[in-house]
Amino acid sequence: MDLNTSTLWWLVAGALVAAELLTGTFYLLMLSIGAAAGALAAHLHLGMTTQFLAAAAVAGLGIAGWYQRRQRHPTALPAAANPDVNLDIGQSVEVPAWQDDRAEVQHRGARWQARFIGTPPAAPGRHTIRALDGNCLLLDR
């Protein structure tokens, strides 16, 4: 079997995609797109140097673009504090009394344990749910 240069580039691209699927590293996908650019350059019968330059340029631009995107859009909040995951976050509850920054509150028809995470001192009154720690509501003013 005779392997030409473009076939080797496609094999490298496929191996990088497989590695990305195993690891979940999105940067490997950018490298595989670069390898595909090298394969396309080989299909155009360009020299080996041009193939490597095309692969490096496309992969480098893809990685730089992905890095810029991640800088502009930071990762989401953890699930315990993300209102998109837990609809209780941002809701208000009435705290009748605190005991050592802990209280029992009524929320959605049930009694919940609550812990104060705001700026001390904890005072009775209306508080906002900021996160959950297991079945304990984390509250602040």
N, C-alpha and C. Protein backbone atom coordinates (compact mmCIF):
# COMPACT_ATOMS: atom_id res chain seq x y z
N MET A 1 0.84 -1.18 0.00
CA MET A 1 0.00 0.00 0.00
C MET A 1 0.89 1.24 0.00
N ASP A 2 0.58 2.16 -0.88
CA ASP A 2 1.37 3.37 -1.02
C ASP A 2 0.64 4.53 -0.35
N LEU A 3 1.26 5.10 0.70
CA LEU A 3 0.68 6.23 1.41
C LEU A 3 1.28 7.52 0.87
N ASN A 4 0.44 8.39 0.35
CA ASN A 4 0.97 9.68 -0.08
C ASN A 4 0.89 10.67 1.09
N THR A 5 1.42 11.85 0.87
CA THR A 5 1.52 12.84 1.95
C THR A 5 0.15 13.27 2.46
N SER A 6 -0.80 13.45 1.58
CA SER A 6 -2.12 13.90 2.03
C SER A 6 -2.78 12.84 2.91
N THR A 7 -2.58 11.57 2.61
CA THR A 7 -3.14 10.50 3.44
C THR A 7 -2.54 10.54 4.84
N LEU A 8 -1.25 10.80 4.92
CA LEU A 8 -0.61 10.91 6.24
C LEU A 8 -1.17 12.09 7.02
N TRP A 9 -1.39 13.20 6.35
CA TRP A 9 -1.99 14.36 7.02
C TRP A 9 -3.39 14.02 7.55
N TRP A 10 -4.20 13.31 6.72
CA TRP A 10 -5.54 12.94 7.16
C TRP A 10 -5.49 11.97 8.33
N LEU A 11 -4.52 11.07 8.35
CA LEU A 11 -4.38 10.15 9.48
C LEU A 11 -4.00 10.91 10.75
N VAL A 12 -3.13 11.89 10.62
CA VAL A 12 -2.76 12.72 11.78
C VAL A 12 -3.99 13.48 12.28
N ALA A 13 -4.76 14.05 11.35
CA ALA A 13 -5.97 14.79 11.74
C ALA A 13 -6.95 13.87 12.46
N GLY A 14 -7.14 12.66 11.94
CA GLY A 14 -8.04 11.72 12.59
C GLY A 14 -7.54 11.30 13.97
N ALA A 15 -6.24 11.09 14.10
CA ALA A 15 -5.68 10.72 15.41
C ALA A 15 -5.86 11.86 16.42
N LEU A 16 -5.70 13.10 15.96
CA LEU A 16 -5.90 14.24 16.86
C LEU A 16 -7.36 14.38 17.28
N VAL A 17 -8.28 14.10 16.36
CA VAL A 17 -9.71 14.14 16.72
C VAL A 17 -10.01 13.04 17.74
N ALA A 18 -9.46 11.85 17.53
CA ALA A 18 -9.67 10.76 18.49
C ALA A 18 -9.09 11.12 19.85
N ALA A 19 -7.92 11.73 19.87
CA ALA A 19 -7.32 12.14 21.14
C ALA A 19 -8.17 13.21 21.82
N GLU A 20 -8.74 14.11 21.02
CA GLU A 20 -9.61 15.14 21.59
C GLU A 20 -10.86 14.52 22.20
N LEU A 21 -11.42 13.52 21.55
CA LEU A 21 -12.61 12.85 22.09
C LEU A 21 -12.30 12.12 23.39
N LEU A 22 -11.10 11.60 23.51
CA LEU A 22 -10.72 10.89 24.74
C LEU A 22 -10.41 11.84 25.89
N THR A 23 -9.84 12.99 25.58
CA THR A 23 -9.40 13.89 26.64
C THR A 23 -10.33 15.07 26.86
N GLY A 24 -11.10 15.46 25.85
CA GLY A 24 -11.97 16.62 25.98
C GLY A 24 -11.22 17.94 25.87
N THR A 25 -9.98 17.91 25.38
CA THR A 25 -9.19 19.12 25.22
C THR A 25 -9.50 19.74 23.87
N PHE A 26 -10.17 20.87 23.89
CA PHE A 26 -10.62 21.48 22.66
C PHE A 26 -9.46 21.94 21.79
N TYR A 27 -8.31 22.20 22.40
CA TYR A 27 -7.15 22.65 21.64
C TYR A 27 -6.68 21.57 20.67
N LEU A 28 -6.85 20.30 21.01
CA LEU A 28 -6.49 19.23 20.08
C LEU A 28 -7.34 19.28 18.82
N LEU A 29 -8.56 19.72 18.96
CA LEU A 29 -9.42 19.87 17.78
C LEU A 29 -8.88 20.96 16.85
N MET A 30 -8.35 22.02 17.44
CA MET A 30 -7.73 23.07 16.61
C MET A 30 -6.50 22.53 15.89
N LEU A 31 -5.73 21.69 16.56
CA LEU A 31 -4.57 21.08 15.91
C LEU A 31 -5.01 20.15 14.78
N SER A 32 -6.11 19.44 14.97
CA SER A 32 -6.59 18.55 13.91
C SER A 32 -7.08 19.36 12.70
N ILE A 33 -7.66 20.52 12.93
CA ILE A 33 -8.05 21.38 11.82
C ILE A 33 -6.80 21.86 11.08
N GLY A 34 -5.74 22.14 11.83
CA GLY A 34 -4.48 22.49 11.21
C GLY A 34 -3.93 21.36 10.36
N ALA A 35 -4.02 20.12 10.86
CA ALA A 35 -3.58 18.96 10.08
C ALA A 35 -4.43 18.81 8.81
N ALA A 36 -5.70 19.10 8.90
CA ALA A 36 -6.55 19.06 7.71
C ALA A 36 -6.12 20.12 6.70
N ALA A 37 -5.69 21.28 7.19
CA ALA A 37 -5.17 22.31 6.28
C ALA A 37 -3.89 21.81 5.60
N GLY A 38 -3.06 21.09 6.34
CA GLY A 38 -1.87 20.49 5.74
C GLY A 38 -2.24 19.47 4.68
N ALA A 39 -3.29 18.70 4.93
CA ALA A 39 -3.76 17.72 3.95
C ALA A 39 -4.27 18.41 2.69
N LEU A 40 -5.01 19.49 2.87
CA LEU A 40 -5.50 20.23 1.70
C LEU A 40 -4.34 20.82 0.90
N ALA A 41 -3.31 21.30 1.59
CA ALA A 41 -2.13 21.81 0.89
C ALA A 41 -1.45 20.68 0.13
N ALA A 42 -1.43 19.48 0.70
CA ALA A 42 -0.84 18.33 0.00
C ALA A 42 -1.67 17.96 -1.22
N HIS A 43 -2.99 18.05 -1.13
CA HIS A 43 -3.85 17.78 -2.27
C HIS A 43 -3.59 18.77 -3.41
N LEU A 44 -3.17 19.99 -3.05
CA LEU A 44 -2.86 21.01 -4.05
C LEU A 44 -1.44 20.87 -4.59
N HIS A 45 -0.75 19.80 -4.18
CA HIS A 45 0.62 19.50 -4.61
C HIS A 45 1.61 20.60 -4.24
N LEU A 46 1.38 21.22 -3.08
CA LEU A 46 2.31 22.21 -2.58
C LEU A 46 3.46 21.49 -1.88
N GLY A 47 4.56 22.15 -1.71
CA GLY A 47 5.73 21.53 -1.10
C GLY A 47 5.51 21.21 0.38
N MET A 48 6.40 20.39 0.91
CA MET A 48 6.28 19.96 2.30
C MET A 48 6.38 21.15 3.26
N THR A 49 7.25 22.11 2.96
CA THR A 49 7.37 23.29 3.82
C THR A 49 6.06 24.07 3.83
N THR A 50 5.44 24.24 2.69
CA THR A 50 4.17 24.96 2.62
C THR A 50 3.07 24.20 3.36
N GLN A 51 3.09 22.89 3.28
CA GLN A 51 2.10 22.08 4.00
C GLN A 51 2.23 22.30 5.50
N PHE A 52 3.48 22.27 6.01
CA PHE A 52 3.69 22.49 7.44
C PHE A 52 3.33 23.92 7.85
N LEU A 53 3.64 24.89 6.99
CA LEU A 53 3.28 26.27 7.30
C LEU A 53 1.76 26.45 7.32
N ALA A 54 1.06 25.83 6.38
CA ALA A 54 -0.40 25.91 6.37
C ALA A 54 -0.99 25.27 7.62
N ALA A 55 -0.47 24.10 7.98
CA ALA A 55 -0.97 23.41 9.18
C ALA A 55 -0.69 24.25 10.43
N ALA A 56 0.51 24.78 10.54
CA ALA A 56 0.87 25.57 11.71
C ALA A 56 0.06 26.87 11.78
N ALA A 57 -0.12 27.53 10.64
CA ALA A 57 -0.87 28.79 10.64
C ALA A 57 -2.33 28.58 11.03
N VAL A 58 -2.97 27.58 10.43
CA VAL A 58 -4.39 27.34 10.74
C VAL A 58 -4.55 26.88 12.18
N ALA A 59 -3.70 25.98 12.64
CA ALA A 59 -3.79 25.52 14.03
C ALA A 59 -3.50 26.67 14.99
N GLY A 60 -2.48 27.46 14.70
CA GLY A 60 -2.15 28.60 15.57
C GLY A 60 -3.26 29.62 15.64
N LEU A 61 -3.85 29.94 14.49
CA LEU A 61 -4.97 30.88 14.48
C LEU A 61 -6.18 30.31 15.24
N GLY A 62 -6.42 29.02 15.07
CA GLY A 62 -7.54 28.40 15.79
C GLY A 62 -7.32 28.42 17.29
N ILE A 63 -6.12 28.11 17.72
CA ILE A 63 -5.82 28.12 19.16
C ILE A 63 -5.90 29.54 19.71
N ALA A 64 -5.34 30.51 18.98
CA ALA A 64 -5.39 31.90 19.43
C ALA A 64 -6.84 32.39 19.49
N GLY A 65 -7.64 32.04 18.50
CA GLY A 65 -9.05 32.43 18.50
C GLY A 65 -9.81 31.81 19.66
N TRP A 66 -9.55 30.54 19.92
CA TRP A 66 -10.23 29.87 21.04
C TRP A 66 -9.81 30.48 22.37
N TYR A 67 -8.53 30.80 22.50
CA TYR A 67 -8.03 31.43 23.73
C TYR A 67 -8.70 32.79 23.93
N GLN A 68 -8.81 33.58 22.87
CA GLN A 68 -9.46 34.88 22.97
C GLN A 68 -10.93 34.73 23.36
N ARG A 69 -11.60 33.74 22.79
CA ARG A 69 -13.00 33.51 23.12
C ARG A 69 -13.17 33.15 24.59
N ARG A 70 -12.29 32.30 25.10
CA ARG A 70 -12.37 31.91 26.51
C ARG A 70 -12.08 33.08 27.43
N GLN A 71 -11.23 34.02 27.01
CA GLN A 71 -10.94 35.19 27.83
C GLN A 71 -12.16 36.11 27.88
N ARG A 72 -12.88 36.24 26.77
CA ARG A 72 -14.06 37.11 26.72
C ARG A 72 -15.25 36.50 27.43
N HIS A 73 -15.37 35.18 27.41
CA HIS A 73 -16.50 34.49 28.03
C HIS A 73 -15.96 33.54 29.10
N PRO A 74 -15.83 34.00 30.34
CA PRO A 74 -15.28 33.13 31.37
C PRO A 74 -16.20 31.93 31.65
N THR A 75 -15.64 30.95 32.31
CA THR A 75 -16.40 29.73 32.60
C THR A 75 -17.60 30.05 33.49
N ALA A 76 -18.58 29.22 33.41
CA ALA A 76 -19.82 29.41 34.17
C ALA A 76 -19.57 29.20 35.66
N LEU A 77 -20.48 29.73 36.44
CA LEU A 77 -20.41 29.52 37.89
C LEU A 77 -20.55 28.04 38.21
N PRO A 78 -20.04 27.61 39.36
CA PRO A 78 -20.30 26.23 39.76
C PRO A 78 -21.80 25.99 39.94
N ALA A 79 -22.22 24.76 39.78
CA ALA A 79 -23.64 24.44 39.82
C ALA A 79 -24.30 24.88 41.11
N ALA A 80 -23.59 24.86 42.23
CA ALA A 80 -24.17 25.25 43.51
C ALA A 80 -24.52 26.72 43.57
N ALA A 81 -23.91 27.55 42.72
CA ALA A 81 -24.16 28.99 42.74
C ALA A 81 -24.70 29.50 41.40
N ASN A 82 -25.05 28.61 40.49
CA ASN A 82 -25.48 29.02 39.15
C ASN A 82 -27.00 29.04 39.07
N PRO A 83 -27.60 30.22 38.86
CA PRO A 83 -29.07 30.28 38.78
C PRO A 83 -29.64 29.58 37.57
N ASP A 84 -28.82 29.30 36.56
CA ASP A 84 -29.30 28.55 35.40
C ASP A 84 -29.49 27.08 35.74
N VAL A 85 -28.79 26.60 36.76
CA VAL A 85 -28.88 25.20 37.18
C VAL A 85 -29.87 25.04 38.31
N ASN A 86 -29.83 25.95 39.27
CA ASN A 86 -30.69 25.85 40.45
C ASN A 86 -31.57 27.10 40.53
N LEU A 87 -32.86 26.93 40.34
CA LEU A 87 -33.77 28.06 40.27
C LEU A 87 -34.02 28.73 41.62
N ASP A 88 -33.57 28.12 42.73
CA ASP A 88 -33.72 28.75 44.04
C ASP A 88 -32.78 29.94 44.21
N ILE A 89 -31.68 29.95 43.50
CA ILE A 89 -30.69 31.01 43.65
C ILE A 89 -31.28 32.32 43.15
N GLY A 90 -31.18 33.35 43.99
CA GLY A 90 -31.76 34.65 43.68
C GLY A 90 -33.12 34.86 44.32
N GLN A 91 -33.73 33.81 44.84
CA GLN A 91 -35.02 33.92 45.51
C GLN A 91 -34.83 34.51 46.91
N SER A 92 -35.87 35.07 47.44
CA SER A 92 -35.82 35.67 48.78
C SER A 92 -36.48 34.76 49.80
N VAL A 93 -35.96 34.80 51.02
CA VAL A 93 -36.56 34.08 52.14
C VAL A 93 -36.55 35.01 53.35
N GLU A 94 -37.49 34.77 54.24
CA GLU A 94 -37.60 35.55 55.48
C GLU A 94 -36.93 34.76 56.60
N VAL A 95 -35.96 35.39 57.27
CA VAL A 95 -35.24 34.75 58.37
C VAL A 95 -35.76 35.35 59.67
N PRO A 96 -36.42 34.51 60.52
CA PRO A 96 -36.97 35.04 61.77
C PRO A 96 -35.89 35.35 62.80
N ALA A 97 -34.84 34.51 62.89
CA ALA A 97 -33.78 34.72 63.88
C ALA A 97 -32.55 33.93 63.47
N TRP A 98 -31.38 34.43 63.87
CA TRP A 98 -30.11 33.75 63.59
C TRP A 98 -29.53 33.22 64.89
N GLN A 99 -28.87 32.09 64.81
CA GLN A 99 -28.11 31.54 65.93
C GLN A 99 -26.75 31.14 65.39
N ASP A 100 -25.71 31.92 65.70
CA ASP A 100 -24.34 31.66 65.23
C ASP A 100 -24.29 31.54 63.71
N ASP A 101 -24.84 32.51 63.01
CA ASP A 101 -24.87 32.55 61.54
C ASP A 101 -25.62 31.39 60.91
N ARG A 102 -26.48 30.73 61.66
CA ARG A 102 -27.32 29.64 61.14
C ARG A 102 -28.77 29.92 61.51
N ALA A 103 -29.68 29.44 60.66
CA ALA A 103 -31.10 29.65 60.92
C ALA A 103 -31.90 28.55 60.23
N GLU A 104 -33.17 28.47 60.62
CA GLU A 104 -34.13 27.64 59.91
C GLU A 104 -35.10 28.57 59.23
N VAL A 105 -35.34 28.32 57.92
CA VAL A 105 -36.24 29.19 57.17
C VAL A 105 -37.27 28.34 56.45
N GLN A 106 -38.37 28.97 56.13
CA GLN A 106 -39.42 28.33 55.35
C GLN A 106 -39.23 28.75 53.89
N HIS A 107 -39.08 27.75 53.00
CA HIS A 107 -38.89 28.04 51.58
C HIS A 107 -39.56 26.95 50.77
N ARG A 108 -40.41 27.32 49.83
CA ARG A 108 -41.15 26.39 48.97
C ARG A 108 -41.93 25.36 49.79
N GLY A 109 -42.50 25.79 50.89
CA GLY A 109 -43.35 24.92 51.69
C GLY A 109 -42.61 23.93 52.57
N ALA A 110 -41.33 24.11 52.76
CA ALA A 110 -40.55 23.19 53.60
C ALA A 110 -39.58 23.99 54.47
N ARG A 111 -39.14 23.35 55.56
CA ARG A 111 -38.14 23.97 56.44
C ARG A 111 -36.76 23.66 55.89
N TRP A 112 -35.93 24.67 55.79
CA TRP A 112 -34.57 24.54 55.29
C TRP A 112 -33.59 25.05 56.34
N GLN A 113 -32.41 24.46 56.35
CA GLN A 113 -31.31 25.02 57.12
C GLN A 113 -30.71 26.14 56.28
N ALA A 114 -30.27 27.19 56.93
CA ALA A 114 -29.68 28.31 56.21
C ALA A 114 -28.41 28.75 56.93
N ARG A 115 -27.47 29.26 56.17
CA ARG A 115 -26.22 29.78 56.73
C ARG A 115 -25.97 31.15 56.11
N PHE A 116 -25.53 32.08 56.95
CA PHE A 116 -25.28 33.45 56.51
C PHE A 116 -23.87 33.54 55.94
N ILE A 117 -23.76 34.05 54.69
CA ILE A 117 -22.44 34.19 54.07
C ILE A 117 -22.13 35.64 53.73
N GLY A 118 -23.00 36.55 54.14
CA GLY A 118 -22.80 37.97 53.85
C GLY A 118 -21.86 38.62 54.85
N THR A 119 -21.84 39.94 54.81
CA THR A 119 -21.01 40.71 55.74
C THR A 119 -21.68 40.72 57.10
N PRO A 120 -20.98 40.29 58.15
CA PRO A 120 -21.57 40.26 59.49
C PRO A 120 -21.94 41.67 59.94
N PRO A 121 -22.86 41.80 60.85
CA PRO A 121 -23.59 40.75 61.59
C PRO A 121 -24.84 40.32 60.83
N ALA A 122 -25.24 39.09 61.09
CA ALA A 122 -26.46 38.55 60.49
C ALA A 122 -27.65 39.08 61.28
N ALA A 123 -28.60 39.69 60.59
CA ALA A 123 -29.79 40.25 61.24
C ALA A 123 -31.03 39.58 60.67
N PRO A 124 -32.07 39.46 61.49
CA PRO A 124 -33.32 38.89 60.98
C PRO A 124 -33.89 39.77 59.87
N GLY A 125 -34.70 39.15 59.00
CA GLY A 125 -35.33 39.89 57.92
C GLY A 125 -35.23 39.15 56.61
N ARG A 126 -35.47 39.88 55.52
CA ARG A 126 -35.46 39.29 54.20
C ARG A 126 -34.03 39.13 53.71
N HIS A 127 -33.72 37.91 53.22
CA HIS A 127 -32.39 37.59 52.70
C HIS A 127 -32.53 36.92 51.33
N THR A 128 -31.44 36.92 50.58
CA THR A 128 -31.42 36.36 49.23
C THR A 128 -30.57 35.09 49.22
N ILE A 129 -31.08 34.07 48.55
CA ILE A 129 -30.32 32.81 48.41
C ILE A 129 -29.24 33.04 47.36
N ARG A 130 -27.98 32.85 47.74
CA ARG A 130 -26.85 33.04 46.82
C ARG A 130 -26.30 31.72 46.30
N ALA A 131 -26.44 30.64 47.07
CA ALA A 131 -25.92 29.33 46.65
C ALA A 131 -26.53 28.27 47.55
N LEU A 132 -26.28 27.02 47.21
CA LEU A 132 -26.70 25.90 48.03
C LEU A 132 -25.47 25.07 48.37
N ASP A 133 -25.44 24.57 49.59
CA ASP A 133 -24.40 23.66 50.03
C ASP A 133 -25.12 22.41 50.52
N GLY A 134 -25.32 21.45 49.61
CA GLY A 134 -26.13 20.29 49.94
C GLY A 134 -27.57 20.72 50.07
N ASN A 135 -28.15 20.56 51.28
CA ASN A 135 -29.52 21.00 51.51
C ASN A 135 -29.55 22.24 52.40
N CYS A 136 -28.47 22.97 52.45
CA CYS A 136 -28.36 24.20 53.27
C CYS A 136 -28.32 25.40 52.32
N LEU A 137 -29.22 26.36 52.57
CA LEU A 137 -29.25 27.58 51.78
C LEU A 137 -28.18 28.54 52.28
N LEU A 138 -27.41 29.10 51.37
CA LEU A 138 -26.40 30.10 51.73
C LEU A 138 -26.98 31.46 51.41
N LEU A 139 -27.15 32.30 52.45
CA LEU A 139 -27.88 33.56 52.33
C LEU A 139 -26.99 34.76 52.56
N ASP A 140 -27.39 35.89 51.96
CA ASP A 140 -26.85 37.19 52.32
C ASP A 140 -27.95 38.22 52.13
N ARG A 141 -27.67 39.44 52.50
CA ARG A 141 -28.67 40.51 52.42
C ARG A 141 -28.90 40.95 51.02
